[in-house]
C-alpha cells in the first residue's frame, strides 16, 4: 500500500509540475462565468463575489503583500479608484496572505479597496492562476454585471502588471 501511495504522489507531482502540465488549460477565459467565492478581507469582513452581481468587478490576483511590483500595482489601481467608481465598478484584490498582513499593507500604502485573503489558495485554483509550484500568477479579470469574464490577463513571470488605463478601458466597454 505504501508503494502505491508513493507512486501515486510521485505521478501527481510529475503530472502537475512537469513541462507536460499546461496551466493555461485551467485558466478561466473571456466568456466564462466567474466562480463564486467568499473570503475574509479588509476591513475584517467576509466578501462574496455573488454580492457584486449587477455591477462590474475588477478582480486582481497578486502574489504577495509588501513586495515592490505588488505595491506598485495596487497603488496604481488605488490612485485611480475614483475612475473605477465613476464607471460603477468595484475593485477587489486577492492574495494568499492573512488579514493582519493585508491590513498593514493597505494602511501603509493607502489602498482604498478590499484586499481578500485566499490563504488556502482555493480561489486562485478555481480561476486557474496558480503557477506550477503553487505561487500566484499576477492576474486580472474584469467581470460584467452578470458575473461573466469580459477581460482576462494571466501573466507568466509577474514582473509587470496591467496598466490602469487598460482596465478602465475594459470596464468602459461594458457601458456600451
Protein backbone atom coordinates (compact mmCIF):
# COMPACT_ATOMS: atom_id res chain seq x y z
CA UNK A 1 0.00 0.00 0.00
CA UNK A 2 2.81 2.41 0.85
CA UNK A 3 4.41 1.77 -2.52
CA UNK A 4 1.15 2.55 -4.33
CA UNK A 5 0.67 5.77 -2.36
CA UNK A 6 4.25 6.86 -3.01
CA UNK A 7 3.93 6.08 -6.71
CA UNK A 8 0.61 7.94 -6.87
CA UNK A 9 2.09 11.02 -5.18
CA UNK A 10 5.10 11.00 -7.50
CA UNK A 11 2.83 10.62 -10.53
CA UNK A 12 0.66 13.54 -9.42
CA UNK A 13 3.77 15.67 -8.82
CA UNK A 14 5.25 14.74 -12.19
CA UNK A 15 1.99 15.42 -13.98
CA UNK A 16 1.31 18.74 -12.31
CA UNK A 17 4.82 20.12 -12.08
CA UNK A 18 6.44 18.75 -15.21
CA UNK A 19 6.84 20.52 -18.52
CA UNK A 20 3.86 18.49 -19.78
CA UNK A 21 1.48 20.22 -17.37
CA UNK A 22 -0.33 23.00 -19.21
CA UNK A 23 -1.65 25.54 -16.67
CA UNK A 24 -3.24 27.66 -19.40
CA UNK A 25 -5.75 24.83 -19.88
CA UNK A 26 -7.01 25.51 -16.35
CA UNK A 27 -7.31 29.29 -16.69
CA UNK A 28 -10.71 30.86 -16.98
CA UNK A 29 -11.22 32.65 -20.27
CA UNK A 30 -13.29 35.54 -21.60
CA UNK A 31 -16.90 34.38 -21.76
CA UNK A 32 -16.62 32.03 -18.76
CA UNK A 33 -18.73 32.66 -15.69
CA UNK A 34 -16.53 33.55 -12.72
CA UNK A 35 -16.86 31.05 -9.88
CA UNK A 36 -18.43 32.40 -6.71
CA UNK A 37 -16.39 32.55 -3.53
CA UNK A 38 -16.49 34.03 -0.05
CA UNK A 39 -13.26 35.28 1.53
CA UNK A 40 -12.28 37.30 4.57
CA UNK A 41 -10.92 40.73 3.64
CA UNK A 42 -10.10 44.26 4.72
CA UNK A 43 -11.75 45.65 6.71
CA UNK A 44 -12.20 42.40 8.64
CA UNK A 45 -15.44 41.19 6.99
CA UNK A 46 -16.47 38.45 4.55
CA UNK A 47 -16.75 39.27 0.84
CA UNK A 48 -18.77 37.14 -1.59
CA UNK A 49 -18.34 37.63 -5.31
CA UNK A 50 -22.05 36.93 -5.83
CA UNK A 51 -22.93 40.04 -3.81
CA UNK A 52 -21.48 42.14 -6.66
CA UNK A 53 -23.87 40.82 -9.32
CA UNK A 54 -25.32 43.90 -11.01
CA UNK A 55 -22.06 45.84 -11.13
CA UNK A 56 -18.74 45.34 -12.93
CA UNK A 57 -15.88 43.91 -10.87
CA UNK A 58 -12.14 44.22 -11.41
CA UNK A 59 -10.67 41.15 -9.74
CA UNK A 60 -6.91 41.38 -9.13
CA UNK A 61 -4.81 38.36 -8.09
CA UNK A 62 -1.40 39.40 -6.78
CA UNK A 63 1.38 37.23 -5.31
CA UNK A 64 2.27 38.91 -2.02
CA UNK A 65 1.86 41.94 0.22
CA UNK A 66 4.84 44.27 0.78
CA UNK A 67 6.69 43.39 -2.44
CA UNK A 68 7.82 46.00 -4.98
CA UNK A 69 5.70 45.04 -8.01
CA UNK A 70 2.59 44.23 -5.97
CA UNK A 71 2.89 47.52 -4.12
CA UNK A 72 3.26 49.49 -7.36
CA UNK A 73 0.34 47.62 -8.93
CA UNK A 74 -2.13 48.11 -6.10
CA UNK A 75 -1.08 51.73 -5.53
CA UNK A 76 -1.66 52.41 -9.22
CA UNK A 77 -5.16 50.93 -9.12
CA UNK A 78 -5.94 52.66 -5.83
CA UNK A 79 -4.86 56.04 -7.18
CA UNK A 80 -7.43 55.61 -9.96
CA UNK A 81 -10.13 54.16 -7.73
CA UNK A 82 -12.45 57.14 -8.29
CA UNK A 83 -12.34 56.47 -12.05
CA UNK A 84 -13.39 52.86 -11.49
CA UNK A 85 -16.11 54.04 -9.10
CA UNK A 86 -17.37 56.60 -11.63
CA UNK A 87 -17.86 53.69 -14.05
CA UNK A 88 -19.78 51.76 -11.38
CA UNK A 89 -17.01 49.16 -10.97
CA UNK A 90 -15.72 47.60 -7.77
CA UNK A 91 -12.08 46.60 -7.36
CA UNK A 92 -11.17 43.56 -5.25
CA UNK A 93 -7.63 42.24 -4.82
CA UNK A 94 -6.78 38.71 -3.67
CA UNK A 95 -3.56 37.14 -2.39
CA UNK A 96 -2.69 34.26 -0.06
CA UNK A 97 -1.62 36.36 2.94
CA UNK A 98 -3.72 36.68 6.09
CA UNK A 99 -5.85 39.57 7.30
CA UNK A 100 -3.15 41.08 9.54
CA UNK A 101 -0.71 41.31 6.63
CA UNK A 102 -3.40 42.79 4.36
CA UNK A 103 -4.43 45.39 6.93
CA UNK A 104 -0.83 46.53 7.47
CA UNK A 105 -0.17 46.59 3.72
CA UNK A 106 -3.38 48.51 2.94
CA UNK A 107 -2.72 51.04 5.71
CA UNK A 108 0.94 51.61 4.79
CA UNK A 109 0.17 52.05 1.08
CA UNK A 110 -3.26 53.71 1.35
CA UNK A 111 -5.00 51.01 -0.68
CA UNK A 112 -8.64 52.08 -1.00
CA UNK A 113 -10.27 48.79 -2.00
CA UNK A 114 -10.65 45.46 -0.18
CA UNK A 115 -7.75 43.01 0.00
CA UNK A 116 -9.08 39.46 0.30
CA UNK A 117 -7.36 36.50 1.99
CA UNK A 118 -7.08 33.28 -0.02
CA UNK A 119 -4.81 31.51 2.44
CA UNK A 120 -5.54 28.01 1.13
CA UNK A 121 -5.27 29.29 -2.48
CA UNK A 122 -8.57 27.64 -3.40
CA UNK A 123 -9.93 30.71 -5.20
CA UNK A 124 -6.72 31.12 -7.20
CA UNK A 125 -7.01 27.47 -8.13
CA UNK A 126 -10.64 27.94 -9.26
CA UNK A 127 -9.56 30.80 -11.51
CA UNK A 128 -6.54 28.85 -12.81
CA UNK A 129 -3.96 31.39 -11.66
CA UNK A 130 -1.69 29.20 -9.54
CA UNK A 131 1.72 28.60 -11.05
CA UNK A 132 3.27 25.13 -11.21
CA UNK A 133 4.91 25.49 -7.79
CA UNK A 134 1.80 26.86 -6.10
CA UNK A 135 2.63 30.56 -6.36
CA UNK A 136 0.05 33.10 -7.52
CA UNK A 137 0.39 34.33 -11.09
CA UNK A 138 -0.24 38.07 -11.29
CA UNK A 139 -3.66 38.18 -12.97
CA UNK A 140 -6.60 40.49 -13.59
CA UNK A 141 -10.17 39.63 -14.56
CA UNK A 142 -12.88 42.15 -15.38
CA UNK A 143 -16.36 40.76 -14.79
CA UNK A 144 -19.54 42.14 -16.29
CA UNK A 145 -22.73 42.81 -14.32
CA UNK A 146 -23.79 39.17 -14.67
CA UNK A 147 -20.50 37.72 -13.40
CA UNK A 148 -19.08 36.73 -16.79
CA UNK A 149 -15.43 37.38 -17.61
CA UNK A 150 -15.05 40.06 -20.28
CA UNK A 151 -11.30 40.65 -19.81
CA UNK A 152 -8.66 38.22 -18.59
CA UNK A 153 -4.90 38.59 -18.29
CA UNK A 154 -2.75 35.99 -16.54
CA UNK A 155 0.98 36.70 -16.55
CA UNK A 156 3.65 34.03 -16.54
CA UNK A 157 6.53 35.94 -14.94
CA UNK A 158 4.66 38.54 -12.89
CA UNK A 159 7.31 41.24 -13.23
CA UNK A 160 4.84 43.67 -14.76
CA UNK A 161 1.16 44.40 -14.25
CA UNK A 162 -1.75 45.50 -16.37
CA UNK A 163 -1.89 49.27 -16.76
CA UNK A 164 -4.79 51.02 -15.07
CA UNK A 165 -5.80 52.58 -18.39
CA UNK A 166 -6.25 49.12 -19.94
CA UNK A 167 -8.53 48.03 -17.10
CA UNK A 168 -10.54 51.25 -17.25
CA UNK A 169 -10.98 50.70 -20.98
CA UNK A 170 -12.26 47.15 -20.34
CA UNK A 171 -14.78 48.49 -17.80
CA UNK A 172 -15.78 51.34 -20.13
CA UNK A 173 -16.62 48.82 -22.87
CA UNK A 174 -19.21 47.34 -20.51
CA UNK A 175 -21.04 50.69 -20.50
CA UNK A 176 -21.78 50.48 -24.23
